[in-house]
PDB file of all heavy atoms in Angstrom:
ATOM      1  N   ARG A   1      97.799-117.544 -11.397  1.00  0.00           N
ATOM      2  CA  ARG A   1      97.495-118.406 -12.547  1.00  0.00           C
ATOM      3  C   ARG A   1      97.106-117.535 -13.742  1.00  0.00           C
ATOM      4  O   ARG A   1      96.291-116.605 -13.610  1.00  0.00           O
ATOM      5  CB  ARG A   1      96.372-119.370 -12.212  1.00  0.00           C
ATOM      6  CG  ARG A   1      95.956-120.284 -13.359  1.00  0.00           C
ATOM      7  CD  ARG A   1      95.132-121.462 -12.855  1.00  0.00           C
ATOM      8  NE  ARG A   1      94.000-121.052 -12.065  1.00  0.00           N
ATOM      9  CZ  ARG A   1      92.776-120.823 -12.570  1.00  0.00           C
ATOM     10  NH1 ARG A   1      92.564-120.971 -13.867  1.00  0.00           N
ATOM     11  NH2 ARG A   1      91.793-120.469 -11.778  1.00  0.00           N
ATOM     12  N   ASN A   2      97.683-117.847 -14.892  1.00  0.00           N
ATOM     13  CA  ASN A   2      97.412-117.123 -16.133  1.00  0.00           C
ATOM     14  C   ASN A   2      96.421-117.940 -16.963  1.00  0.00           C
ATOM     15  O   ASN A   2      96.720-119.049 -17.403  1.00  0.00           O
ATOM     16  CB  ASN A   2      98.693-116.910 -16.914  1.00  0.00           C
ATOM     17  CG  ASN A   2      98.490-116.099 -18.184  1.00  0.00           C
ATOM     18  OD1 ASN A   2      97.384-115.676 -18.494  1.00  0.00           O
ATOM     19  ND2 ASN A   2      99.571-115.876 -18.923  1.00  0.00           N
ATOM     20  N   ARG A   3      95.225-117.393 -17.191  1.00  0.00           N
ATOM     21  CA  ARG A   3      94.176-118.103 -17.929  1.00  0.00           C
ATOM     22  C   ARG A   3      94.219-117.807 -19.437  1.00  0.00           C
ATOM     23  O   ARG A   3      93.400-118.341 -20.177  1.00  0.00           O
ATOM     24  CB  ARG A   3      92.810-117.744 -17.359  1.00  0.00           C
ATOM     25  CG  ARG A   3      92.683-118.054 -15.882  1.00  0.00           C
ATOM     26  CD  ARG A   3      91.289-117.916 -15.373  1.00  0.00           C
ATOM     27  NE  ARG A   3      90.828-116.527 -15.345  1.00  0.00           N
ATOM     28  CZ  ARG A   3      89.727-116.109 -14.728  1.00  0.00           C
ATOM     29  NH1 ARG A   3      88.954-116.991 -14.100  1.00  0.00           N
ATOM     30  NH2 ARG A   3      89.373-114.842 -14.749  1.00  0.00           N
ATOM     31  N   SER A   4      95.149-116.970 -19.847  1.00  0.00           N
ATOM     32  CA  SER A   4      95.220-116.625 -21.263  1.00  0.00           C
ATOM     33  C   SER A   4      96.290-117.476 -21.972  1.00  0.00           C
ATOM     34  O   SER A   4      97.063-118.168 -21.324  1.00  0.00           O
ATOM     35  CB  SER A   4      95.551-115.137 -21.444  1.00  0.00           C
ATOM     36  OG  SER A   4      96.905-114.885 -21.106  1.00  0.00           O
ATOM     37  N   ASP A   5      96.317-117.370 -23.302  1.00  0.00           N
ATOM     38  CA  ASP A   5      97.292-118.154 -24.069  1.00  0.00           C
ATOM     39  C   ASP A   5      98.501-117.326 -24.480  1.00  0.00           C
ATOM     40  O   ASP A   5      99.172-117.624 -25.439  1.00  0.00           O
ATOM     41  CB  ASP A   5      96.632-118.775 -25.316  1.00  0.00           C
ATOM     42  CG  ASP A   5      95.998-117.715 -26.204  1.00  0.00           C
ATOM     43  OD1 ASP A   5      96.122-116.514 -25.893  1.00  0.00           O
ATOM     44  OD2 ASP A   5      95.364-118.094 -27.216  1.00  0.00           O
ATOM     45  N   SER A   6      98.762-116.265 -23.696  1.00  0.00           N
ATOM     46  CA  SER A   6      99.961-115.479 -23.917  1.00  0.00           C
ATOM     47  C   SER A   6     100.562-115.075 -22.574  1.00  0.00           C
ATOM     48  O   SER A   6      99.871-115.106 -21.544  1.00  0.00           O
ATOM     49  CB  SER A   6      99.644-114.203 -24.737  1.00  0.00           C
ATOM     50  OG  SER A   6      98.694-113.412 -24.055  1.00  0.00           O
ATOM     51  N   VAL A   7     101.829-114.759 -22.572  1.00  0.00           N
ATOM     52  CA  VAL A   7     102.515-114.368 -21.322  1.00  0.00           C
ATOM     53  C   VAL A   7     101.855-113.120 -20.743  1.00  0.00           C
ATOM     54  O   VAL A   7     101.505-112.181 -21.474  1.00  0.00           O
ATOM     55  CB  VAL A   7     104.001-114.106 -21.587  1.00  0.00           C
ATOM     56  CG1 VAL A   7     104.681-113.604 -20.324  1.00  0.00           C
ATOM     57  CG2 VAL A   7     104.688-115.373 -22.083  1.00  0.00           C
ATOM     58  N   ALA A   8     101.643-113.117 -19.424  1.00  0.00           N
ATOM     59  CA  ALA A   8     101.010-111.983 -18.750  1.00  0.00           C
ATOM     60  C   ALA A   8     101.944-111.454 -17.672  1.00  0.00           C
ATOM     61  O   ALA A   8     102.668-112.206 -17.022  1.00  0.00           O
ATOM     62  CB  ALA A   8      99.682-112.389 -18.137  1.00  0.00           C
ATOM     63  N   SER A   9     101.928-110.148 -17.482  1.00  0.00           N
ATOM     64  CA  SER A   9     102.763-109.531 -16.453  1.00  0.00           C
ATOM     65  C   SER A   9     101.966-108.474 -15.708  1.00  0.00           C
ATOM     66  O   SER A   9     100.899-108.048 -16.147  1.00  0.00           O
ATOM     67  CB  SER A   9     104.022-108.889 -17.073  1.00  0.00           C
ATOM     68  OG  SER A   9     103.653-107.888 -18.008  1.00  0.00           O
ATOM     69  N   GLY A  10     102.473-108.068 -14.571  1.00  0.00           N
ATOM     70  CA  GLY A  10     101.796-107.052 -13.773  1.00  0.00           C
ATOM     71  C   GLY A  10     102.519-106.880 -12.451  1.00  0.00           C
ATOM     72  O   GLY A  10     103.706-107.190 -12.330  1.00  0.00           O
ATOM     73  N   THR A  11     101.802-106.404 -11.450  1.00  0.00           N
ATOM     74  CA  THR A  11     102.393-106.178 -10.125  1.00  0.00           C
ATOM     75  C   THR A  11     101.483-106.745  -9.037  1.00  0.00           C
ATOM     76  O   THR A  11     100.261-106.778  -9.179  1.00  0.00           O
ATOM     77  CB  THR A  11     102.615-104.669  -9.847  1.00  0.00           C
ATOM     78  OG1 THR A  11     101.368-103.974 -10.008  1.00  0.00           O
ATOM     79  CG2 THR A  11     103.647-104.097 -10.785  1.00  0.00           C
ATOM     80  N   VAL A  12     102.110-107.206  -7.978  1.00  0.00           N
ATOM     81  CA  VAL A  12     101.418-107.679  -6.790  1.00  0.00           C
ATOM     82  C   VAL A  12     101.524-106.620  -5.714  1.00  0.00           C
ATOM     83  O   VAL A  12     102.614-106.083  -5.457  1.00  0.00           O
ATOM     84  CB  VAL A  12     102.034-109.006  -6.277  1.00  0.00           C
ATOM     85  CG1 VAL A  12     101.332-109.471  -5.016  1.00  0.00           C
ATOM     86  CG2 VAL A  12     101.988-110.069  -7.338  1.00  0.00           C
ATOM     87  N   THR A  13     100.400-106.289  -5.090  1.00  0.00           N
ATOM     88  CA  THR A  13     100.402-105.305  -3.996  1.00  0.00           C
ATOM     89  C   THR A  13      99.878-105.967  -2.720  1.00  0.00           C
ATOM     90  O   THR A  13      99.110-106.943  -2.784  1.00  0.00           O
ATOM     91  CB  THR A  13      99.549-104.082  -4.323  1.00  0.00           C
ATOM     92  OG1 THR A  13      98.191-104.495  -4.583  1.00  0.00           O
ATOM     93  CG2 THR A  13     100.092-103.347  -5.548  1.00  0.00           C
ATOM     94  N   TYR A  14     100.270-105.413  -1.573  1.00  0.00           N
ATOM     95  CA  TYR A  14      99.953-105.998  -0.287  1.00  0.00           C
ATOM     96  C   TYR A  14      99.300-104.951   0.613  1.00  0.00           C
ATOM     97  O   TYR A  14      99.674-103.774   0.596  1.00  0.00           O
ATOM     98  CB  TYR A  14     101.214-106.522   0.406  1.00  0.00           C
ATOM     99  CG  TYR A  14     101.968-107.544  -0.408  1.00  0.00           C
ATOM    100  CD1 TYR A  14     102.909-107.159  -1.365  1.00  0.00           C
ATOM    101  CD2 TYR A  14     101.745-108.908  -0.225  1.00  0.00           C
ATOM    102  CE1 TYR A  14     103.597-108.106  -2.112  1.00  0.00           C
ATOM    103  CE2 TYR A  14     102.436-109.853  -0.966  1.00  0.00           C
ATOM    104  CZ  TYR A  14     103.364-109.451  -1.910  1.00  0.00           C
ATOM    105  OH  TYR A  14     104.045-110.379  -2.650  1.00  0.00           O
ATOM    106  N   GLU A  15      98.330-105.387   1.397  1.00  0.00           N
ATOM    107  CA  GLU A  15      97.726-104.551   2.435  1.00  0.00           C
ATOM    108  C   GLU A  15      97.755-105.326   3.750  1.00  0.00           C
ATOM    109  O   GLU A  15      97.408-106.512   3.789  1.00  0.00           O
ATOM    110  CB  GLU A  15      96.290-104.189   2.071  1.00  0.00           C
ATOM    111  CG  GLU A  15      96.174-103.260   0.864  1.00  0.00           C
ATOM    112  CD  GLU A  15      94.734-102.870   0.573  1.00  0.00           C
ATOM    113  OE1 GLU A  15      93.908-102.914   1.516  1.00  0.00           O
ATOM    114  OE2 GLU A  15      94.432-102.556  -0.590  1.00  0.00           O
ATOM    115  N   VAL A  16      98.189-104.641   4.808  1.00  0.00           N
ATOM    116  CA  VAL A  16      98.339-105.269   6.123  1.00  0.00           C
ATOM    117  C   VAL A  16      97.601-104.424   7.154  1.00  0.00           C
ATOM    118  O   VAL A  16      97.191-103.307   6.879  1.00  0.00           O
ATOM    119  CB  VAL A  16      99.840-105.409   6.482  1.00  0.00           C
ATOM    120  CG1 VAL A  16     100.528-106.375   5.544  1.00  0.00           C
ATOM    121  CG2 VAL A  16     100.535-104.047   6.441  1.00  0.00           C
ATOM    122  N   PRO A  17      97.414-104.941   8.376  1.00  0.00           N
ATOM    123  CA  PRO A  17      96.706-104.168   9.402  1.00  0.00           C
ATOM    124  C   PRO A  17      97.417-102.851   9.725  1.00  0.00           C
ATOM    125  O   PRO A  17      98.627-102.695   9.492  1.00  0.00           O
ATOM    126  CB  PRO A  17      96.702-105.109  10.610  1.00  0.00           C
ATOM    127  CG  PRO A  17      96.833-106.481  10.026  1.00  0.00           C
ATOM    128  CD  PRO A  17      97.723-106.308   8.821  1.00  0.00           C
ATOM    129  N   ASP A  18      96.684-101.915  10.268  1.00  0.00           N
ATOM    130  CA  ASP A  18      97.258-100.633  10.694  1.00  0.00           C
ATOM    131  C   ASP A  18      98.408-100.883  11.673  1.00  0.00           C
ATOM    132  O   ASP A  18      98.311-101.729  12.575  1.00  0.00           O
ATOM    133  CB  ASP A  18      96.195 -99.769  11.383  1.00  0.00           C
ATOM    134  CG  ASP A  18      95.132 -99.283  10.407  1.00  0.00           C
ATOM    135  OD1 ASP A  18      95.394 -99.318   9.196  1.00  0.00           O
ATOM    136  OD2 ASP A  18      94.050 -98.872  10.874  1.00  0.00           O
ATOM    137  N   GLY A  19      99.485-100.140  11.479  1.00  0.00           N
ATOM    138  CA  GLY A  19     100.647-100.284  12.342  1.00  0.00           C
ATOM    139  C   GLY A  19     101.656-101.304  11.853  1.00  0.00           C
ATOM    140  O   GLY A  19     102.759-101.393  12.413  1.00  0.00           O
ATOM    141  N   TRP A  20     101.316-102.085  10.820  1.00  0.00           N
ATOM    142  CA  TRP A  20     102.244-103.034  10.240  1.00  0.00           C
ATOM    143  C   TRP A  20     102.923-102.403   9.029  1.00  0.00           C
ATOM    144  O   TRP A  20     102.414-101.446   8.454  1.00  0.00           O
ATOM    145  CB  TRP A  20     101.502-104.291   9.776  1.00  0.00           C
ATOM    146  CG  TRP A  20     100.899-105.116  10.875  1.00  0.00           C
ATOM    147  CD1 TRP A  20     100.149-104.686  11.921  1.00  0.00           C
ATOM    148  CD2 TRP A  20     100.945-106.545  11.002  1.00  0.00           C
ATOM    149  NE1 TRP A  20      99.740-105.736  12.699  1.00  0.00           N
ATOM    150  CE2 TRP A  20     100.207-106.889  12.163  1.00  0.00           C
ATOM    151  CE3 TRP A  20     101.539-107.545  10.248  1.00  0.00           C
ATOM    152  CZ2 TRP A  20     100.056-108.200  12.581  1.00  0.00           C
ATOM    153  CZ3 TRP A  20     101.380-108.862  10.662  1.00  0.00           C
ATOM    154  CH2 TRP A  20     100.651-109.187  11.817  1.00  0.00           C
ATOM    155  N   SER A  21     104.064-102.957   8.631  1.00  0.00           N
ATOM    156  CA  SER A  21     104.762-102.503   7.429  1.00  0.00           C
ATOM    157  C   SER A  21     104.493-103.484   6.301  1.00  0.00           C
ATOM    158  O   SER A  21     104.815-104.684   6.407  1.00  0.00           O
ATOM    159  CB  SER A  21     106.269-102.394   7.687  1.00  0.00           C
ATOM    160  OG  SER A  21     106.554-101.411   8.651  1.00  0.00           O
ATOM    161  N   ALA A  22     103.913-102.993   5.211  1.00  0.00           N
ATOM    162  CA  ALA A  22     103.569-103.848   4.068  1.00  0.00           C
ATOM    163  C   ALA A  22     104.789-104.044   3.180  1.00  0.00           C
ATOM    164  O   ALA A  22     105.629-103.150   3.034  1.00  0.00           O
ATOM    165  CB  ALA A  22     102.439-103.221   3.259  1.00  0.00           C
ATOM    166  N   PRO A  23     104.926-105.223   2.561  1.00  0.00           N
ATOM    167  CA  PRO A  23     106.006-105.438   1.589  1.00  0.00           C
ATOM    168  C   PRO A  23     105.853-104.489   0.400  1.00  0.00           C
ATOM    169  O   PRO A  23     104.750-104.019   0.089  1.00  0.00           O
ATOM    170  CB  PRO A  23     105.813-106.894   1.155  1.00  0.00           C
ATOM    171  CG  PRO A  23     104.967-107.519   2.215  1.00  0.00           C
ATOM    172  CD  PRO A  23     104.103-106.422   2.755  1.00  0.00           C
ATOM    173  N   ALA A  24     106.958-104.227  -0.259  1.00  0.00           N
ATOM    174  CA  ALA A  24     106.927-103.376  -1.450  1.00  0.00           C
ATOM    175  C   ALA A  24     106.166-104.088  -2.573  1.00  0.00           C
ATOM    176  O   ALA A  24     106.111-105.329  -2.641  1.00  0.00           O
ATOM    177  CB  ALA A  24     108.339-103.044  -1.899  1.00  0.00           C
ATOM    178  N   THR A  25     105.594-103.290  -3.474  1.00  0.00           N
ATOM    179  CA  THR A  25     104.939-103.860  -4.651  1.00  0.00           C
ATOM    180  C   THR A  25     105.948-104.658  -5.472  1.00  0.00           C
ATOM    181  O   THR A  25     107.091-104.241  -5.657  1.00  0.00           O
ATOM    182  CB  THR A  25     104.354-102.722  -5.506  1.00  0.00           C
ATOM    183  OG1 THR A  25     103.378-102.030  -4.727  1.00  0.00           O
ATOM    184  CG2 THR A  25     103.707-103.257  -6.769  1.00  0.00           C
ATOM    185  N   ALA A  26     105.538-105.842  -5.938  1.00  0.00           N
ATOM    186  CA  ALA A  26     106.446-106.739  -6.644  1.00  0.00           C
ATOM    187  C   ALA A  26     105.948-107.001  -8.058  1.00  0.00           C
ATOM    188  O   ALA A  26     104.750-107.209  -8.276  1.00  0.00           O
ATOM    189  CB  ALA A  26     106.589-108.057  -5.899  1.00  0.00           C
ATOM    190  N   ALA A  27     106.868-107.000  -9.028  1.00  0.00           N
ATOM    191  CA  ALA A  27     106.516-107.300 -10.414  1.00  0.00           C
ATOM    192  C   ALA A  27     106.435-108.817 -10.603  1.00  0.00           C
ATOM    193  O   ALA A  27     107.138-109.578  -9.944  1.00  0.00           O
ATOM    194  CB  ALA A  27     107.533-106.715 -11.365  1.00  0.00           C
ATOM    195  N   PHE A  28     105.567-109.256 -11.533  1.00  0.00           N
ATOM    196  CA  PHE A  28     105.465-110.670 -11.843  1.00  0.00           C
ATOM    197  C   PHE A  28     105.305-110.880 -13.350  1.00  0.00           C
ATOM    198  O   PHE A  28     104.897-109.983 -14.079  1.00  0.00           O
ATOM    199  CB  PHE A  28     104.279-111.321 -11.106  1.00  0.00           C
ATOM    200  CG  PHE A  28     102.928-110.888 -11.607  1.00  0.00           C
ATOM    201  CD1 PHE A  28     102.371-111.449 -12.747  1.00  0.00           C
ATOM    202  CD2 PHE A  28     102.200-109.918 -10.927  1.00  0.00           C
ATOM    203  CE1 PHE A  28     101.128-111.063 -13.210  1.00  0.00           C
ATOM    204  CE2 PHE A  28     100.961-109.510 -11.378  1.00  0.00           C
ATOM    205  CZ  PHE A  28     100.422-110.090 -12.540  1.00  0.00           C
ATOM    206  N   GLU A  29     105.633-112.094 -13.776  1.00  0.00           N
ATOM    207  CA  GLU A  29     105.391-112.532 -15.154  1.00  0.00           C
ATOM    208  C   GLU A  29     104.964-113.984 -15.098  1.00  0.00           C
ATOM    209  O   GLU A  29     105.626-114.808 -14.478  1.00  0.00           O
ATOM    210  CB  GLU A  29     106.637-112.368 -16.009  1.00  0.00           C
ATOM    211  CG  GLU A  29     106.402-112.676 -17.491  1.00  0.00           C
ATOM    212  CD  GLU A  29     107.627-112.385 -18.347  1.00  0.00           C
ATOM    213  OE1 GLU A  29     107.825-111.201 -18.704  1.00  0.00           O
ATOM    214  OE2 GLU A  29     108.380-113.338 -18.618  1.00  0.00           O
ATOM    215  N   VAL A  30     103.808-114.287 -15.720  1.00  0.00           N
ATOM    216  CA  VAL A  30     103.263-115.637 -15.678  1.00  0.00           C
ATOM    217  C   VAL A  30     103.221-116.190 -17.091  1.00  0.00           C
ATOM    218  O   VAL A  30     102.702-115.527 -18.003  1.00  0.00           O
ATOM    219  CB  VAL A  30     101.843-115.642 -15.085  1.00  0.00           C
ATOM    220  CG1 VAL A  30     101.411-117.075 -14.782  1.00  0.00           C
ATOM    221  CG2 VAL A  30     101.762-114.797 -13.831  1.00  0.00           C
ATOM    222  N   PRO A  31     103.772-117.387 -17.321  1.00  0.00           N
ATOM    223  CA  PRO A  31     103.740-117.960 -18.672  1.00  0.00           C
ATOM    224  C   PRO A  31     102.308-118.246 -19.118  1.00  0.00           C
ATOM    225  O   PRO A  31     101.383-118.358 -18.311  1.00  0.00           O
ATOM    226  CB  PRO A  31     104.535-119.250 -18.524  1.00  0.00           C
ATOM    227  CG  PRO A  31     104.468-119.580 -17.065  1.00  0.00           C
ATOM    228  CD  PRO A  31     104.421-118.269 -16.359  1.00  0.00           C
ATOM    229  N   ALA A  32     102.112-118.370 -20.412  1.00  0.00           N
ATOM    230  CA  ALA A  32     100.791-118.654 -20.971  1.00  0.00           C
ATOM    231  C   ALA A  32     100.231-119.947 -20.361  1.00  0.00           C
ATOM    232  O   ALA A  32     100.924-120.964 -20.299  1.00  0.00           O
ATOM    233  CB  ALA A  32     100.887-118.787 -22.487  1.00  0.00           C
ATOM    234  N   SER A  33      98.984-119.837 -19.892  1.00  0.00           N
ATOM    235  CA  SER A  33      98.280-121.001 -19.312  1.00  0.00           C
ATOM    236  C   SER A  33      99.068-121.648 -18.181  1.00  0.00           C
ATOM    237  O   SER A  33      98.911-122.853 -17.927  1.00  0.00           O
ATOM    238  CB  SER A  33      97.951-122.026 -20.391  1.00  0.00           C
ATOM    239  OG  SER A  33      97.189-121.445 -21.423  1.00  0.00           O
ATOM    240  N   GLY A  34      99.915-120.868 -17.513  1.00  0.00           N
ATOM    241  CA  GLY A  34     100.750-121.422 -16.457  1.00  0.00           C
ATOM    242  C   GLY A  34     100.524-120.730 -15.128  1.00  0.00           C
ATOM    243  O   GLY A  34      99.618-119.901 -14.959  1.00  0.00           O
ATOM    244  N   THR A  35     101.366-121.068 -14.153  1.00  0.00           N
ATOM    245  CA  THR A  35     101.301-120.480 -12.818  1.00  0.00           C
ATOM    246  C   THR A  35     102.686-120.024 -12.391  1.00  0.00           C
ATOM    247  O   THR A  35     103.698-120.480 -12.924  1.00  0.00           O
ATOM    248  CB  THR A  35     100.763-121.476 -11.771  1.00  0.00           C
ATOM    249  OG1 THR A  35     101.645-122.590 -11.683  1.00  0.00           O
ATOM    250  CG2 THR A  35      99.364-121.951 -12.130  1.00  0.00           C
TER     251      THR A  35
END
């Protein structure tokens, strides 16, 4: 959820238990005041 009044972007990262394979970091873009 974007709490600002402008478009926001960034990356999502994942952490999983030892011995598991984590998904790759993913880019995101959230519209202003949107989800």
